[in-house]
Protein backbone atom coordinates (compact mmCIF):
# COMPACT_ATOMS: atom_id res chain seq x y z
CA MET A 1 -33.78 63.92 150.37
CA LYS A 2 -34.31 67.33 147.86
CA THR A 3 -36.22 66.10 144.41
CA SER A 4 -34.42 67.99 141.85
CA LEU A 5 -36.87 70.16 139.67
CA ARG A 6 -36.17 68.90 135.90
CA THR A 7 -36.16 72.10 133.38
CA ARG A 8 -37.22 72.14 129.49
CA ASN A 9 -34.17 71.48 128.65
CA GLY A 10 -33.63 68.19 130.86
CA MET A 11 -30.92 69.86 132.70
CA PRO A 12 -31.64 70.29 136.79
CA CYS A 13 -32.10 73.61 138.24
CA PRO A 14 -28.95 74.44 140.17
CA TYR A 15 -31.05 76.64 143.02
CA GLN A 16 -32.36 73.69 143.77
CA GLU A 17 -29.93 71.39 144.92
CA SER A 18 -29.25 74.53 147.11
CA ASP A 19 -30.64 76.64 149.92
CA ASP A 20 -29.34 80.26 148.19
CA GLY A 21 -31.66 81.42 145.04
CA PRO A 22 -30.08 84.11 142.19
CA LEU A 23 -30.82 86.64 145.13
CA GLU A 24 -31.23 86.10 148.89
CA GLY A 25 -34.29 88.00 149.78
CA PRO A 26 -35.92 90.87 149.53
CA VAL A 27 -34.42 93.99 148.02
CA ASP A 28 -35.14 97.57 149.81
CA LEU A 29 -35.30 100.41 146.73
CA SER A 30 -36.61 102.67 148.76
CA ARG A 31 -33.47 104.00 150.25
CA LEU A 32 -31.99 104.53 146.96
CA THR A 33 -31.47 108.36 145.90
CA ALA A 34 -33.44 109.14 142.57
CA ARG A 35 -29.88 109.42 140.74
CA GLU A 36 -28.71 106.15 142.59
CA ARG A 37 -32.04 104.34 141.48
CA GLN A 38 -30.68 105.61 137.42
CA VAL A 39 -27.57 104.54 138.15
CA LEU A 40 -28.68 101.40 139.09
CA LEU A 41 -32.03 101.46 136.25
CA LEU A 42 -29.23 101.93 133.57
CA LEU A 43 -26.67 99.16 134.96
CA GLY A 44 -29.23 96.31 134.20
CA GLY A 45 -28.38 96.91 130.03
CA GLY A 46 -24.13 95.72 131.52
CA PRO A 47 -22.33 99.74 130.40
CA SER A 48 -19.26 99.59 131.27
CA ASN A 49 -18.10 102.73 134.10
CA GLY A 50 -16.83 104.42 132.03
CA GLU A 51 -20.07 104.41 129.44
CA LEU A 52 -23.00 105.34 132.49
CA SER A 53 -20.19 108.62 132.73
CA ARG A 54 -19.82 109.30 129.30
CA ARG A 55 -24.24 108.82 129.25
CA LEU A 56 -25.13 110.84 132.73
CA ARG A 57 -22.96 113.00 132.31
CA ILE A 58 -20.78 112.28 134.94
CA SER A 59 -16.93 111.33 135.94
CA GLU A 60 -16.23 107.96 136.69
CA ARG A 61 -15.82 107.66 140.17
CA THR A 62 -19.26 109.06 140.72
CA VAL A 63 -20.66 106.22 138.74
CA LYS A 64 -18.44 104.40 141.33
CA ALA A 65 -19.81 105.84 143.95
CA HIS A 66 -22.67 105.95 143.57
CA ILE A 67 -22.40 102.27 142.37
CA SER A 68 -21.20 101.34 146.14
CA ARG A 69 -24.44 103.31 147.21
CA ILE A 70 -26.19 101.19 145.59
CA LEU A 71 -24.48 97.91 146.97
CA ILE A 72 -25.21 98.99 150.56
CA LYS A 73 -28.55 99.80 150.53
CA THR A 74 -29.73 97.28 148.41
CA GLY A 75 -27.80 94.99 150.34
CA GLN A 76 -25.87 93.06 146.99
CA SER A 77 -22.44 91.46 146.35
CA THR A 78 -21.59 92.41 143.59
CA ARG A 79 -22.41 94.73 140.97
CA LEU A 80 -24.03 91.85 138.77
CA GLN A 81 -25.58 90.67 141.59
CA ALA A 82 -26.89 94.52 141.58
CA ALA A 83 -27.87 94.42 138.03
CA MET A 84 -29.97 91.83 138.18
CA VAL A 85 -31.47 93.48 140.37
CA SER A 86 -32.35 95.95 138.13
CA ALA A 87 -33.56 93.00 136.07
CA LEU A 88 -35.88 91.94 138.71
CA HIS A 89 -36.64 95.02 139.46
CA HIS A 90 -37.40 97.74 135.89
CA ASP A 91 -41.40 98.37 137.29
CA GLN A 92 -40.51 99.85 139.80
CA LEU A 93 -37.27 101.65 138.87
CA CYS A 94 -38.55 103.42 135.71
CA PRO A 95 -40.22 106.74 136.30
CA SER A 96 -41.67 106.27 132.40
CA PRO A 97 -45.56 104.13 132.42
CA ASP A 98 -44.21 103.46 128.39
CA CYS A 99 -41.70 101.63 129.18
CA ARG A 100 -40.64 98.97 126.60
CA TRP A 101 -38.86 96.75 129.55
CA SER A 102 -42.02 97.24 131.02
CA LEU A 103 -44.69 94.66 131.94
CA ALA A 104 -46.59 96.04 130.11
CA ALA A 105 -46.67 94.33 126.60
CA GLY A 106 -46.55 96.28 123.95
CA SER A 107 -44.78 100.61 125.45
CA PRO A 108 -42.62 102.19 123.10
CA PRO A 109 -39.53 102.20 123.36
CA HIS A 110 -38.51 104.73 126.31
CA ASP A 111 -34.14 105.27 127.83
CA PRO A 112 -34.25 106.29 131.20
CA GLY A 113 -30.70 107.99 130.52
CA ALA A 114 -32.30 110.70 128.79
CA ASP A 115 -33.89 112.34 130.77
CA GLU A 116 -31.15 113.45 132.24
CA VAL A 117 -29.13 114.47 129.52
CA SER A 118 -31.92 116.25 127.87
CA ALA A 119 -31.73 118.35 131.34
CA ALA A 120 -28.53 119.35 130.92
């Protein structure tokens, strides 16, 4: 019989009652192209396809295609799962060593979409 662990607020952890966690198994990011990595990184912030389209200066249809390939290559089934992958693996996705979202505390802000926009 499983023992239910309590969190600080006294509620049991929902993952203790099942064999599934928020993400199943390791995530392989090595198969992603540079653009797919950029889309996945930005996806972690929760933007809509339209917002991603404007930010990256590509069509919404292209954004959807990138997201579909990201889901396949990372083994995720939903956009939400991909966003979680983005948040959990930010340090592996972000090319900037001084990104404010990296695990290193006190780093200056960095916009992962700025490199692409400034290069256009």
